[in-house]
Amino acid sequence: MVATLDNRQKIIFTLKLAAPYLAVVLGLYVFHNAWLSIFLYHGQIIFWWLIGRTQKTSSSPKIDPTETRVNLNTKTYLNLPKQIENILNISSKVMLPISALAGIACYFLLPFIVQNASSLSS
């Protein structure tokens, strides 16, 4: 059985693929602002994450073996073993604070980074 996508799902999938590129092009070439480009890029990531969380249901979709077309409600469902799901859940909880602190760490380490980079050019 092959699960096919309806038109709405195809449009959302295409938007998800194009959104990072559109965000960067808008920020850099339309508004000529690198900070806005970075904000739009990360904003669209959060936007798609929030959209995905609101569409998540409590159980996997019911698939009828006689059906040739399956509606997955624009959400990708993975059938992973429980051990792998647990590992992914733990790693995502650990990586969130590390990722949130990475930008702050770069800000405070910037003088050391620049100092070392200037010695490379001479």
C-alpha atoms as a PDB file:
ATOM      1  CA  MET A   1       0.000   0.000   0.000  1.00  0.00           C
ATOM      2  CA  VAL A   2       1.371   3.390  -0.983  1.00  0.00           C
ATOM      3  CA  ALA A   3       0.340   6.473   0.981  1.00  0.00           C
ATOM      4  CA  THR A   4      -0.286   9.386  -1.359  1.00  0.00           C
ATOM      5  CA  LEU A   5      -0.426  13.060  -0.507  1.00  0.00           C
ATOM      6  CA  ASP A   6      -3.391  15.249  -1.297  1.00  0.00           C
ATOM      7  CA  ASN A   7      -2.944  18.734  -2.792  1.00  0.00           C
ATOM      8  CA  ARG A   8      -2.892  20.519   0.588  1.00  0.00           C
ATOM      9  CA  GLN A   9      -0.169  18.208   1.864  1.00  0.00           C
ATOM     10  CA  LYS A  10       1.879  18.751  -1.283  1.00  0.00           C
ATOM     11  CA  ILE A  11       1.623  22.531  -0.903  1.00  0.00           C
ATOM     12  CA  ILE A  12       2.658  22.401   2.761  1.00  0.00           C
ATOM     13  CA  PHE A  13       5.553  20.078   1.940  1.00  0.00           C
ATOM     14  CA  THR A  14       6.738  22.432  -0.816  1.00  0.00           C
ATOM     15  CA  LEU A  15       6.450  25.438   1.511  1.00  0.00           C
ATOM     16  CA  LYS A  16       8.502  23.648   4.155  1.00  0.00           C
ATOM     17  CA  LEU A  17      11.236  22.999   1.614  1.00  0.00           C
ATOM     18  CA  ALA A  18      11.230  26.536   0.207  1.00  0.00           C
ATOM     19  CA  ALA A  19      10.796  28.481   3.476  1.00  0.00           C
ATOM     20  CA  PRO A  20      14.481  28.619   4.518  1.00  0.00           C
ATOM     21  CA  TYR A  21      15.534  29.901   1.102  1.00  0.00           C
ATOM     22  CA  LEU A  22      12.707  32.433   0.976  1.00  0.00           C
ATOM     23  CA  ALA A  23      13.588  33.701   4.449  1.00  0.00           C
ATOM     24  CA  VAL A  24      17.220  34.287   3.519  1.00  0.00           C
ATOM     25  CA  VAL A  25      16.396  35.895   0.161  1.00  0.00           C
ATOM     26  CA  LEU A  26      13.821  38.207   1.774  1.00  0.00           C
ATOM     27  CA  GLY A  27      16.172  39.234   4.553  1.00  0.00           C
ATOM     28  CA  LEU A  28      19.307  39.750   2.477  1.00  0.00           C
ATOM     29  CA  TYR A  29      18.097  40.931  -0.920  1.00  0.00           C
ATOM     30  CA  VAL A  30      14.722  42.531  -0.282  1.00  0.00           C
ATOM     31  CA  PHE A  31      15.340  44.199   3.096  1.00  0.00           C
ATOM     32  CA  HIS A  32      19.198  44.267   2.947  1.00  0.00           C
ATOM     33  CA  ASN A  33      19.409  43.194   6.563  1.00  0.00           C
ATOM     34  CA  ALA A  34      21.376  40.135   7.690  1.00  0.00           C
ATOM     35  CA  TRP A  35      19.818  40.175  11.167  1.00  0.00           C
ATOM     36  CA  LEU A  36      16.335  40.090   9.705  1.00  0.00           C
ATOM     37  CA  SER A  37      17.433  37.217   7.488  1.00  0.00           C
ATOM     38  CA  ILE A  38      18.633  35.247  10.507  1.00  0.00           C
ATOM     39  CA  PHE A  39      15.435  36.085  12.403  1.00  0.00           C
ATOM     40  CA  LEU A  40      13.214  35.011   9.493  1.00  0.00           C
ATOM     41  CA  TYR A  41      15.189  31.782   9.000  1.00  0.00           C
ATOM     42  CA  HIS A  42      14.842  30.735  12.632  1.00  0.00           C
ATOM     43  CA  GLY A  43      11.307  32.094  12.851  1.00  0.00           C
ATOM     44  CA  GLN A  44      10.123  29.836  10.052  1.00  0.00           C
ATOM     45  CA  ILE A  45      11.692  26.843  11.835  1.00  0.00           C
ATOM     46  CA  ILE A  46       9.711  27.667  14.977  1.00  0.00           C
ATOM     47  CA  PHE A  47       6.595  28.323  12.871  1.00  0.00           C
ATOM     48  CA  TRP A  48       6.690  24.885  11.211  1.00  0.00           C
ATOM     49  CA  TRP A  49       7.459  23.251  14.554  1.00  0.00           C
ATOM     50  CA  LEU A  50       4.425  24.910  16.152  1.00  0.00           C
ATOM     51  CA  ILE A  51       2.211  23.970  13.193  1.00  0.00           C
ATOM     52  CA  GLY A  52       3.395  20.362  13.475  1.00  0.00           C
ATOM     53  CA  ARG A  53       2.680  20.257  17.214  1.00  0.00           C
ATOM     54  CA  THR A  54      -0.866  21.555  16.786  1.00  0.00           C
ATOM     55  CA  GLN A  55      -1.626  18.908  14.156  1.00  0.00           C
ATOM     56  CA  LYS A  56      -0.239  16.057  16.230  1.00  0.00           C
ATOM     57  CA  THR A  57      -2.850  13.613  17.388  1.00  0.00           C
ATOM     58  CA  SER A  58      -2.716  11.297  20.351  1.00  0.00           C
ATOM     59  CA  SER A  59      -2.470   8.173  18.216  1.00  0.00           C
ATOM     60  CA  SER A  60      -1.163   7.159  14.843  1.00  0.00           C
ATOM     61  CA  PRO A  61      -3.554   7.404  11.909  1.00  0.00           C
ATOM     62  CA  LYS A  62      -5.875   4.487  11.358  1.00  0.00           C
ATOM     63  CA  ILE A  63      -4.865   2.768   8.145  1.00  0.00           C
ATOM     64  CA  ASP A  64      -7.337   0.537   6.423  1.00  0.00           C
ATOM     65  CA  PRO A  65      -5.535  -2.199   4.430  1.00  0.00           C
ATOM     66  CA  THR A  66      -8.188  -2.021   1.715  1.00  0.00           C
ATOM     67  CA  GLU A  67      -7.622   1.712   1.149  1.00  0.00           C
ATOM     68  CA  THR A  68      -5.196   2.795  -1.543  1.00  0.00           C
ATOM     69  CA  ARG A  69      -5.072   6.419  -0.360  1.00  0.00           C
ATOM     70  CA  VAL A  70      -4.142   7.353   3.218  1.00  0.00           C
ATOM     71  CA  ASN A  71      -4.738  10.818   4.666  1.00  0.00           C
ATOM     72  CA  LEU A  72      -2.042  11.569   7.200  1.00  0.00           C
ATOM     73  CA  ASN A  73      -3.328  15.097   7.980  1.00  0.00           C
ATOM     74  CA  THR A  74      -0.090  16.769   6.767  1.00  0.00           C
ATOM     75  CA  LYS A  75       1.845  15.162   9.620  1.00  0.00           C
ATOM     76  CA  THR A  76       4.664  12.719   9.017  1.00  0.00           C
ATOM     77  CA  TYR A  77       4.281   9.650  11.186  1.00  0.00           C
ATOM     78  CA  LEU A  78       7.278   7.454  11.761  1.00  0.00           C
ATOM     79  CA  ASN A  79       6.947   3.894  12.912  1.00  0.00           C
ATOM     80  CA  LEU A  80      10.126   3.673  14.967  1.00  0.00           C
ATOM     81  CA  PRO A  81      10.885   1.118  17.643  1.00  0.00           C
ATOM     82  CA  LYS A  82      10.211   2.394  21.175  1.00  0.00           C
ATOM     83  CA  GLN A  83      13.916   2.324  22.119  1.00  0.00           C
ATOM     84  CA  ILE A  84      14.821   4.649  19.246  1.00  0.00           C
ATOM     85  CA  GLU A  85      11.903   6.965  20.067  1.00  0.00           C
ATOM     86  CA  ASN A  86      13.113   7.177  23.672  1.00  0.00           C
ATOM     87  CA  ILE A  87      16.658   7.989  22.564  1.00  0.00           C
ATOM     88  CA  LEU A  88      15.402  10.698  20.216  1.00  0.00           C
ATOM     89  CA  ASN A  89      13.191  12.202  22.931  1.00  0.00           C
ATOM     90  CA  ILE A  90      16.086  12.296  25.411  1.00  0.00           C
ATOM     91  CA  SER A  91      18.520  13.779  22.899  1.00  0.00           C
ATOM     92  CA  SER A  92      16.049  16.487  21.891  1.00  0.00           C
ATOM     93  CA  LYS A  93      15.545  17.465  25.537  1.00  0.00           C
ATOM     94  CA  VAL A  94      19.311  17.649  26.055  1.00  0.00           C
ATOM     95  CA  MET A  95      20.037  19.538  22.847  1.00  0.00           C
ATOM     96  CA  LEU A  96      17.457  22.276  23.403  1.00  0.00           C
ATOM     97  CA  PRO A  97      19.299  24.023  26.275  1.00  0.00           C
ATOM     98  CA  ILE A  98      22.662  23.484  24.588  1.00  0.00           C
ATOM     99  CA  SER A  99      21.368  25.033  21.376  1.00  0.00           C
ATOM    100  CA  ALA A 100      19.788  27.929  23.265  1.00  0.00           C
ATOM    101  CA  LEU A 101      23.073  28.697  25.014  1.00  0.00           C
ATOM    102  CA  ALA A 102      25.220  28.401  21.882  1.00  0.00           C
ATOM    103  CA  GLY A 103      24.435  31.913  20.640  1.00  0.00           C
ATOM    104  CA  ILE A 104      25.136  33.425  24.046  1.00  0.00           C
ATOM    105  CA  ALA A 105      28.434  31.543  24.256  1.00  0.00           C
ATOM    106  CA  CYS A 106      29.462  32.827  20.809  1.00  0.00           C
ATOM    107  CA  TYR A 107      28.679  36.392  21.906  1.00  0.00           C
ATOM    108  CA  PHE A 108      30.941  36.178  24.950  1.00  0.00           C
ATOM    109  CA  LEU A 109      33.669  34.225  23.117  1.00  0.00           C
ATOM    110  CA  LEU A 110      33.705  36.599  20.119  1.00  0.00           C
ATOM    111  CA  PRO A 111      36.707  38.655  21.350  1.00  0.00           C
ATOM    112  CA  PHE A 112      38.784  35.482  21.636  1.00  0.00           C
ATOM    113  CA  ILE A 113      37.601  34.227  18.250  1.00  0.00           C
ATOM    114  CA  VAL A 114      38.478  37.513  16.532  1.00  0.00           C
ATOM    115  CA  GLN A 115      41.841  37.727  18.291  1.00  0.00           C
ATOM    116  CA  ASN A 116      42.802  34.250  17.081  1.00  0.00           C
ATOM    117  CA  ALA A 117      41.444  34.862  13.578  1.00  0.00           C
ATOM    118  CA  SER A 118      43.511  38.037  13.132  1.00  0.00           C
ATOM    119  CA  SER A 119      46.701  36.084  13.835  1.00  0.00           C
ATOM    120  CA  LEU A 120      45.855  33.723  10.985  1.00  0.00           C
ATOM    121  CA  SER A 121      45.756  36.503   8.382  1.00  0.00           C
ATOM    122  CA  SER A 122      49.220  37.896   9.157  1.00  0.00           C
END
